[in-house]
PDB file of N, CA and C in Angstrom:
ATOM      1  N   UNK A   1       0.825  -1.187   0.000  1.00  0.00           N
ATOM      2  CA  UNK A   1       0.000   0.000   0.000  1.00  0.00           C
ATOM      3  C   UNK A   1       0.871   1.254   0.000  1.00  0.00           C
ATOM      4  N   UNK A   2       1.926   1.238   0.828  1.00  0.00           N
ATOM      5  CA  UNK A   2       2.826   2.379   0.917  1.00  0.00           C
ATOM      6  C   UNK A   2       3.540   2.602  -0.415  1.00  0.00           C
ATOM      7  N   UNK A   3       3.875   1.522  -1.100  1.00  0.00           N
ATOM      8  CA  UNK A   3       4.556   1.605  -2.387  1.00  0.00           C
ATOM      9  C   UNK A   3       3.644   2.291  -3.414  1.00  0.00           C
ATOM     10  N   UNK A   4       2.363   1.977  -3.382  1.00  0.00           N
ATOM     11  CA  UNK A   4       1.406   2.561  -4.333  1.00  0.00           C
ATOM     12  C   UNK A   4       1.314   4.070  -4.107  1.00  0.00           C
ATOM     13  N   UNK A   5       1.284   4.498  -2.849  1.00  0.00           N
ATOM     14  CA  UNK A   5       1.197   5.921  -2.534  1.00  0.00           C
ATOM     15  C   UNK A   5       2.449   6.648  -3.007  1.00  0.00           C
ATOM     16  N   UNK A   6       3.609   6.043  -2.808  1.00  0.00           N
ATOM     17  CA  UNK A   6       4.869   6.656  -3.227  1.00  0.00           C
ATOM     18  C   UNK A   6       4.917   6.766  -4.747  1.00  0.00           C
ATOM     19  N   UNK A   7       4.482   5.722  -5.445  1.00  0.00           N
ATOM     20  CA  UNK A   7       4.482   5.740  -6.911  1.00  0.00           C
ATOM     21  C   UNK A   7       3.542   6.822  -7.428  1.00  0.00           C
ATOM     22  N   UNK A   8       2.367   6.957  -6.820  1.00  0.00           N
ATOM     23  CA  UNK A   8       1.406   7.985  -7.242  1.00  0.00           C
ATOM     24  C   UNK A   8       1.972   9.389  -6.990  1.00  0.00           C
ATOM     25  N   UNK A   9       2.650   9.578  -5.857  1.00  0.00           N
ATOM     26  CA  UNK A   9       3.237  10.880  -5.552  1.00  0.00           C
ATOM     27  C   UNK A   9       4.328  11.222  -6.554  1.00  0.00           C
ATOM     28  N   UNK A  10       5.170  10.248  -6.892  1.00  0.00           N
ATOM     29  CA  UNK A  10       6.235  10.480  -7.871  1.00  0.00           C
ATOM     30  C   UNK A  10       5.657  10.784  -9.254  1.00  0.00           C
ATOM     31  N   UNK A  11       4.591  10.102  -9.619  1.00  0.00           N
ATOM     32  CA  UNK A  11       3.963  10.346 -10.916  1.00  0.00           C
ATOM     33  C   UNK A  11       3.382  11.757 -10.970  1.00  0.00           C
ATOM     34  N   UNK A  12       2.774  12.209  -9.870  1.00  0.00           N
ATOM     35  CA  UNK A  12       2.214  13.560  -9.828  1.00  0.00           C
ATOM     36  C   UNK A  12       3.320  14.598  -9.931  1.00  0.00           C
ATOM     37  N   UNK A  13       4.420  14.373  -9.230  1.00  0.00           N
ATOM     38  CA  UNK A  13       5.542  15.311  -9.299  1.00  0.00           C
ATOM     39  C   UNK A  13       6.174  15.324 -10.677  1.00  0.00           C
ATOM     40  N   UNK A  14       6.244  14.184 -11.316  1.00  0.00           N
ATOM     41  CA  UNK A  14       6.832  14.117 -12.654  1.00  0.00           C
ATOM     42  C   UNK A  14       5.985  14.906 -13.647  1.00  0.00           C
ATOM     43  N   UNK A  15       4.678  14.900 -13.466  1.00  0.00           N
ATOM     44  CA  UNK A  15       3.797  15.667 -14.353  1.00  0.00           C
ATOM     45  C   UNK A  15       3.985  17.160 -14.175  1.00  0.00           C
ATOM     46  N   UNK A  16       4.371  17.599 -12.986  1.00  0.00           N
ATOM     47  CA  UNK A  16       4.570  19.026 -12.715  1.00  0.00           C
ATOM     48  C   UNK A  16       5.924  19.513 -13.190  1.00  0.00           C
ATOM     49  N   UNK A  17       6.849  18.619 -13.457  1.00  0.00           N
ATOM     50  CA  UNK A  17       8.211  19.005 -13.800  1.00  0.00           C
ATOM     51  C   UNK A  17       8.428  19.088 -15.303  1.00  0.00           C
ATOM     52  N   UNK A  18       7.377  19.376 -16.065  1.00  0.00           N
ATOM     53  CA  UNK A  18       7.494  19.456 -17.518  1.00  0.00           C
ATOM     54  C   UNK A  18       8.298  20.674 -17.939  1.00  0.00           C
ATOM     55  N   UNK A  19       8.505  20.798 -19.230  1.00  0.00           N
ATOM     56  CA  UNK A  19       9.265  21.921 -19.774  1.00  0.00           C
ATOM     57  C   UNK A  19       8.506  23.220 -19.539  1.00  0.00           C
ATOM     58  N   UNK A  20       9.256  24.302 -19.440  1.00  0.00           N
ATOM     59  CA  UNK A  20       8.653  25.623 -19.244  1.00  0.00           C
ATOM     60  C   UNK A  20       7.835  25.993 -20.479  1.00  0.00           C
ATOM     61  N   UNK A  21       6.741  26.722 -20.295  1.00  0.00           N
ATOM     62  CA  UNK A  21       5.921  27.105 -21.448  1.00  0.00           C
ATOM     63  C   UNK A  21       6.704  28.061 -22.348  1.00  0.00           C
ATOM     64  N   UNK A  22       6.434  28.041 -23.636  1.00  0.00           N
ATOM     65  CA  UNK A  22       7.160  28.910 -24.559  1.00  0.00           C
ATOM     66  C   UNK A  22       6.867  30.385 -24.253  1.00  0.00           C
ATOM     67  N   UNK A  23       7.808  31.241 -24.574  1.00  0.00           N
ATOM     68  CA  UNK A  23       7.629  32.682 -24.365  1.00  0.00           C
ATOM     69  C   UNK A  23       6.523  33.182 -25.288  1.00  0.00           C
ATOM     70  N   UNK A  24       5.748  34.150 -24.820  1.00  0.00           N
ATOM     71  CA  UNK A  24       4.657  34.659 -25.672  1.00  0.00           C
ATOM     72  C   UNK A  24       5.210  35.343 -26.918  1.00  0.00           C
ATOM     73  N   UNK A  25       4.477  35.213 -27.990  1.00  0.00           N
ATOM     74  CA  UNK A  25       4.865  35.826 -29.253  1.00  0.00           C
ATOM     75  C   UNK A  25       4.521  37.313 -29.209  1.00  0.00           C
ATOM     76  N   UNK A  26       5.443  38.200 -29.559  1.00  0.00           N
ATOM     77  CA  UNK A  26       5.137  39.630 -29.550  1.00  0.00           C
ATOM     78  C   UNK A  26       4.012  39.949 -30.531  1.00  0.00           C
ATOM     79  N   UNK A  27       3.190  40.900 -30.146  1.00  0.00           N
ATOM     80  CA  UNK A  27       2.060  41.301 -30.982  1.00  0.00           C
ATOM     81  C   UNK A  27       2.284  42.741 -31.428  1.00  0.00           C
ATOM     82  N   UNK A  28       2.078  43.001 -32.701  1.00  0.00           N
ATOM     83  CA  UNK A  28       2.224  44.366 -33.211  1.00  0.00           C
ATOM     84  C   UNK A  28       1.098  45.225 -32.654  1.00  0.00           C
ATOM     85  N   UNK A  29       1.447  46.451 -32.275  1.00  0.00           N
ATOM     86  CA  UNK A  29       0.442  47.363 -31.754  1.00  0.00           C
ATOM     87  C   UNK A  29       0.169  48.451 -32.777  1.00  0.00           C
ATOM     88  N   UNK A  30      -1.099  48.809 -32.891  1.00  0.00           N
ATOM     89  CA  UNK A  30      -1.498  49.845 -33.836  1.00  0.00           C
ATOM     90  C   UNK A  30      -1.147  51.224 -33.289  1.00  0.00           C
ATOM     91  N   UNK A  31      -0.889  52.151 -34.179  1.00  0.00           N
ATOM     92  CA  UNK A  31      -0.593  53.521 -33.776  1.00  0.00           C
ATOM     93  C   UNK A  31      -1.873  54.251 -33.405  1.00  0.00           C
ATOM     94  N   UNK A  32      -1.769  55.539 -33.125  1.00  0.00           N
ATOM     95  CA  UNK A  32      -2.944  56.316 -32.738  1.00  0.00           C
ATOM     96  C   UNK A  32      -3.996  56.310 -33.838  1.00  0.00           C
ATOM     97  N   UNK A  33      -5.231  56.286 -33.443  1.00  0.00           N
ATOM     98  CA  UNK A  33      -6.324  56.283 -34.405  1.00  0.00           C
ATOM     99  C   UNK A  33      -7.264  57.432 -34.098  1.00  0.00           C
ATOM    100  N   UNK A  34      -7.999  57.861 -35.061  1.00  0.00           N
ATOM    101  CA  UNK A  34      -8.996  58.921 -34.884  1.00  0.00           C
ATOM    102  C   UNK A  34     -10.375  58.277 -34.925  1.00  0.00           C
ATOM    103  N   UNK A  35     -11.246  58.750 -34.061  1.00  0.00           N
ATOM    104  CA  UNK A  35     -12.611  58.243 -34.046  1.00  0.00           C
ATOM    105  C   UNK A  35     -13.465  59.066 -34.998  1.00  0.00           C
ATOM    106  N   UNK A  36     -14.178  58.413 -35.841  1.00  0.00           N
ATOM    107  CA  UNK A  36     -15.057  59.104 -36.774  1.00  0.00           C
ATOM    108  C   UNK A  36     -16.346  59.488 -36.063  1.00  0.00           C
ATOM    109  N   UNK A  37     -16.920  60.615 -36.438  1.00  0.00           N
ATOM    110  CA  UNK A  37     -18.192  61.046 -35.865  1.00  0.00           C
ATOM    111  C   UNK A  37     -19.283  60.083 -36.316  1.00  0.00           C
ATOM    112  N   UNK A  38     -20.111  59.697 -35.397  1.00  0.00           N
ATOM    113  CA  UNK A  38     -21.172  58.749 -35.695  1.00  0.00           C
ATOM    114  C   UNK A  38     -22.503  59.431 -35.421  1.00  0.00           C
ATOM    115  N   UNK A  39     -23.381  59.391 -36.358  1.00  0.00           N
ATOM    116  CA  UNK A  39     -24.707  59.972 -36.176  1.00  0.00           C
ATOM    117  C   UNK A  39     -25.681  58.912 -35.713  1.00  0.00           C
ATOM    118  N   UNK A  40     -26.878  59.315 -35.410  1.00  0.00           N
ATOM    119  CA  UNK A  40     -27.890  58.356 -35.014  1.00  0.00           C
ATOM    120  C   UNK A  40     -28.213  58.465 -33.545  1.00  0.00           C
ATOM    121  N   UNK A  41     -28.745  57.418 -33.006  1.00  0.00           N
ATOM    122  CA  UNK A  41     -29.147  57.436 -31.604  1.00  0.00           C
ATOM    123  C   UNK A  41     -28.742  56.133 -30.939  1.00  0.00           C
ATOM    124  N   UNK A  42     -28.841  56.142 -29.640  1.00  0.00           N
ATOM    125  CA  UNK A  42     -28.498  54.979 -28.831  1.00  0.00           C
ATOM    126  C   UNK A  42     -29.706  54.618 -28.005  1.00  0.00           C
ATOM    127  N   UNK A  43     -30.062  53.365 -27.987  1.00  0.00           N
ATOM    128  CA  UNK A  43     -31.186  52.894 -27.194  1.00  0.00           C
ATOM    129  C   UNK A  43     -30.633  51.965 -26.122  1.00  0.00           C
ATOM    130  N   UNK A  44     -30.987  52.246 -24.876  1.00  0.00           N
ATOM    131  CA  UNK A  44     -30.499  51.426 -23.769  1.00  0.00           C
ATOM    132  C   UNK A  44     -31.617  51.251 -22.758  1.00  0.00           C
ATOM    133  N   UNK A  45     -31.582  50.165 -22.041  1.00  0.00           N
ATOM    134  CA  UNK A  45     -32.546  49.903 -20.986  1.00  0.00           C
ATOM    135  C   UNK A  45     -31.840  49.943 -19.651  1.00  0.00           C
ATOM    136  N   UNK A  46     -32.560  50.333 -18.613  1.00  0.00           N
ATOM    137  CA  UNK A  46     -31.969  50.374 -17.288  1.00  0.00           C
ATOM    138  C   UNK A  46     -33.043  50.539 -16.236  1.00  0.00           C
ATOM    139  N   UNK A  47     -32.624  50.595 -14.990  1.00  0.00           N
ATOM    140  CA  UNK A  47     -33.537  50.799 -13.869  1.00  0.00           C
ATOM    141  C   UNK A  47     -33.063  51.997 -13.072  1.00  0.00           C
ATOM    142  N   UNK A  48     -34.007  52.819 -12.665  1.00  0.00           N
ATOM    143  CA  UNK A  48     -33.699  53.958 -11.814  1.00  0.00           C
ATOM    144  C   UNK A  48     -34.083  53.566 -10.398  1.00  0.00           C
ATOM    145  N   UNK A  49     -33.142  53.675  -9.479  1.00  0.00           N
ATOM    146  CA  UNK A  49     -33.382  53.322  -8.092  1.00  0.00           C
ATOM    147  C   UNK A  49     -33.295  54.576  -7.233  1.00  0.00           C
ATOM    148  N   UNK A  50     -34.090  54.665  -6.176  1.00  0.00           N
ATOM    149  CA  UNK A  50     -34.046  55.853  -5.316  1.00  0.00           C
ATOM    150  C   UNK A  50     -32.735  55.927  -4.541  1.00  0.00           C
ATOM    151  N   UNK A  51     -32.286  57.157  -4.291  1.00  0.00           N
ATOM    152  CA  UNK A  51     -31.075  57.349  -3.506  1.00  0.00           C
ATOM    153  C   UNK A  51     -31.342  57.069  -2.032  1.00  0.00           C
ATOM    154  N   UNK A  52     -32.575  57.301  -1.587  1.00  0.00           N
ATOM    155  CA  UNK A  52     -32.950  57.065  -0.201  1.00  0.00           C
ATOM    156  C   UNK A  52     -34.349  56.471  -0.155  1.00  0.00           C
ATOM    157  N   UNK A  53     -34.642  55.798   0.932  1.00  0.00           N
ATOM    158  CA  UNK A  53     -35.981  55.283   1.206  1.00  0.00           C
ATOM    159  C   UNK A  53     -36.390  55.774   2.579  1.00  0.00           C
ATOM    160  N   UNK A  54     -37.676  55.880   2.792  1.00  0.00           N
ATOM    161  CA  UNK A  54     -38.169  56.318   4.098  1.00  0.00           C
ATOM    162  C   UNK A  54     -39.401  55.503   4.465  1.00  0.00           C
ATOM    163  N   UNK A  55     -39.509  55.155   5.728  1.00  0.00           N
ATOM    164  CA  UNK A  55     -40.702  54.494   6.234  1.00  0.00           C
ATOM    165  C   UNK A  55     -41.635  55.572   6.770  1.00  0.00           C
ATOM    166  N   UNK A  56     -42.880  55.510   6.365  1.00  0.00           N
ATOM    167  CA  UNK A  56     -43.853  56.502   6.804  1.00  0.00           C
ATOM    168  C   UNK A  56     -44.647  55.964   7.976  1.00  0.00           C
ATOM    169  N   UNK A  57     -44.948  56.833   8.911  1.00  0.00           N
ATOM    170  CA  UNK A  57     -45.807  56.453  10.031  1.00  0.00           C
ATOM    171  C   UNK A  57     -46.532  57.701  10.514  1.00  0.00           C
ATOM    172  N   UNK A  58     -47.657  57.481  11.136  1.00  0.00           N
ATOM    173  CA  UNK A  58     -48.440  58.591  11.699  1.00  0.00           C
ATOM    174  C   UNK A  58     -48.514  58.408  13.209  1.00  0.00           C
ATOM    175  N   UNK A  59     -48.662  59.512  13.967  1.00  0.00           N
ATOM    176  CA  UNK A  59     -48.650  59.410  15.422  1.00  0.00           C
ATOM    177  C   UNK A  59     -49.879  58.709  16.004  1.00  0.00           C
ATOM    178  N   UNK A  60     -50.958  58.590  15.282  1.00  0.00           N
ATOM    179  CA  UNK A  60     -52.170  57.934  15.791  1.00  0.00           C
ATOM    180  C   UNK A  60     -52.635  56.888  14.800  1.00  0.00           C
ATOM    181  N   UNK A  61     -53.361  55.898  15.265  1.00  0.00           N
ATOM    182  CA  UNK A  61     -53.893  54.869  14.386  1.00  0.00           C
ATOM    183  C   UNK A  61     -55.145  55.344  13.681  1.00  0.00           C
ATOM    184  N   UNK A  62     -55.517  54.690  12.623  1.00  0.00           N
ATOM    185  CA  UNK A  62     -56.748  55.043  11.919  1.00  0.00           C
ATOM    186  C   UNK A  62     -56.616  54.720  10.453  1.00  0.00           C
ATOM    187  N   UNK A  63     -57.584  55.155   9.699  1.00  0.00           N
ATOM    188  CA  UNK A  63     -57.621  54.939   8.256  1.00  0.00           C
ATOM    189  C   UNK A  63     -57.412  56.283   7.583  1.00  0.00           C
ATOM    190  N   UNK A  64     -56.474  56.331   6.667  1.00  0.00           N
ATOM    191  CA  UNK A  64     -56.252  57.574   5.929  1.00  0.00           C
ATOM    192  C   UNK A  64     -57.372  57.785   4.931  1.00  0.00           C
ATOM    193  N   UNK A  65     -57.913  58.992   4.882  1.00  0.00           N
ATOM    194  CA  UNK A  65     -59.016  59.263   3.966  1.00  0.00           C
ATOM    195  C   UNK A  65     -58.530  59.818   2.643  1.00  0.00           C
ATOM    196  N   UNK A  66     -57.293  60.309   2.610  1.00  0.00           N
ATOM    197  CA  UNK A  66     -56.793  60.919   1.384  1.00  0.00           C
ATOM    198  C   UNK A  66     -55.263  60.857   1.377  1.00  0.00           C
ATOM    199  N   UNK A  67     -54.702  60.601   0.224  1.00  0.00           N
ATOM    200  CA  UNK A  67     -53.253  60.647   0.046  1.00  0.00           C
ATOM    201  C   UNK A  67     -52.961  61.886  -0.781  1.00  0.00           C
ATOM    202  N   UNK A  68     -52.131  62.769  -0.255  1.00  0.00           N
ATOM    203  CA  UNK A  68     -51.857  64.047  -0.903  1.00  0.00           C
ATOM    204  C   UNK A  68     -50.658  63.930  -1.840  1.00  0.00           C
ATOM    205  N   UNK A  69     -50.821  63.277  -2.937  1.00  0.00           N
ATOM    206  CA  UNK A  69     -49.754  63.102  -3.912  1.00  0.00           C
ATOM    207  C   UNK A  69     -49.975  61.815  -4.668  1.00  0.00           C
ATOM    208  N   UNK A  70     -49.165  61.630  -5.677  1.00  0.00           N
ATOM    209  CA  UNK A  70     -49.263  60.416  -6.494  1.00  0.00           C
ATOM    210  C   UNK A  70     -47.896  59.735  -6.509  1.00  0.00           C
ATOM    211  N   UNK A  71     -47.894  58.487  -6.884  1.00  0.00           N
ATOM    212  CA  UNK A  71     -46.649  57.735  -6.967  1.00  0.00           C
ATOM    213  C   UNK A  71     -45.701  58.429  -7.937  1.00  0.00           C
ATOM    214  N   UNK A  72     -44.469  58.626  -7.504  1.00  0.00           N
ATOM    215  CA  UNK A  72     -43.473  59.264  -8.350  1.00  0.00           C
ATOM    216  C   UNK A  72     -43.374  60.765  -8.158  1.00  0.00           C
ATOM    217  N   UNK A  73     -44.297  61.396  -7.396  1.00  0.00           N
ATOM    218  CA  UNK A  73     -44.223  62.835  -7.146  1.00  0.00           C
ATOM    219  C   UNK A  73     -43.033  63.171  -6.274  1.00  0.00           C
ATOM    220  N   UNK A  74     -42.440  64.344  -6.490  1.00  0.00           N
ATOM    221  CA  UNK A  74     -41.377  64.844  -5.620  1.00  0.00           C
ATOM    222  C   UNK A  74     -42.015  65.516  -4.420  1.00  0.00           C
ATOM    223  N   UNK A  75     -41.421  65.364  -3.263  1.00  0.00           N
ATOM    224  CA  UNK A  75     -41.935  65.984  -2.043  1.00  0.00           C
ATOM    225  C   UNK A  75     -40.801  66.696  -1.330  1.00  0.00           C
ATOM    226  N   UNK A  76     -41.166  67.645  -0.509  1.00  0.00           N
ATOM    227  CA  UNK A  76     -40.205  68.402   0.280  1.00  0.00           C
ATOM    228  C   UNK A  76     -40.296  67.966   1.732  1.00  0.00           C
ATOM    229  N   UNK A  77     -39.235  68.207   2.499  1.00  0.00           N
ATOM    230  CA  UNK A  77     -39.239  67.886   3.926  1.00  0.00           C
ATOM    231  C   UNK A  77     -40.351  68.675   4.611  1.00  0.00           C
ATOM    232  N   UNK A  78     -41.145  67.981   5.427  1.00  0.00           N
ATOM    233  CA  UNK A  78     -42.233  68.619   6.157  1.00  0.00           C
ATOM    234  C   UNK A  78     -43.546  68.684   5.405  1.00  0.00           C
ATOM    235  N   UNK A  79     -43.578  68.303   4.153  1.00  0.00           N
ATOM    236  CA  UNK A  79     -44.795  68.348   3.352  1.00  0.00           C
ATOM    237  C   UNK A  79     -45.737  67.246   3.803  1.00  0.00           C
ATOM    238  N   UNK A  80     -47.017  67.577   4.105  1.00  0.00           N
ATOM    239  CA  UNK A  80     -47.958  66.529   4.518  1.00  0.00           C
ATOM    240  C   UNK A  80     -48.270  65.568   3.367  1.00  0.00           C
ATOM    241  N   UNK A  81     -48.340  64.283   3.688  1.00  0.00           N
ATOM    242  CA  UNK A  81     -48.634  63.265   2.690  1.00  0.00           C
ATOM    243  C   UNK A  81     -49.978  62.600   2.913  1.00  0.00           C
ATOM    244  N   UNK A  82     -50.442  62.589   4.179  1.00  0.00           N
ATOM    245  CA  UNK A  82     -51.720  61.957   4.506  1.00  0.00           C
ATOM    246  C   UNK A  82     -52.668  62.960   5.093  1.00  0.00           C
TER     247      UNK A  82
END
């Protein structure tokens, strides 16, 4: 059993001791280029996320009879919402 382990270890080490990989081939680099003006439009999709979130609460329980604003409206600090 010990002989098998030693043989396997030697085989693994022999596989790691191969020749060094060849040096990379140099690649020609292009000189400076000018970008041509492109007309037209760009269409992209994305999501807009709020910078902040706030939990709303009122000092007393009950049912709100009116919401003073619509979804997506901008509000100022202190502006009543309910």
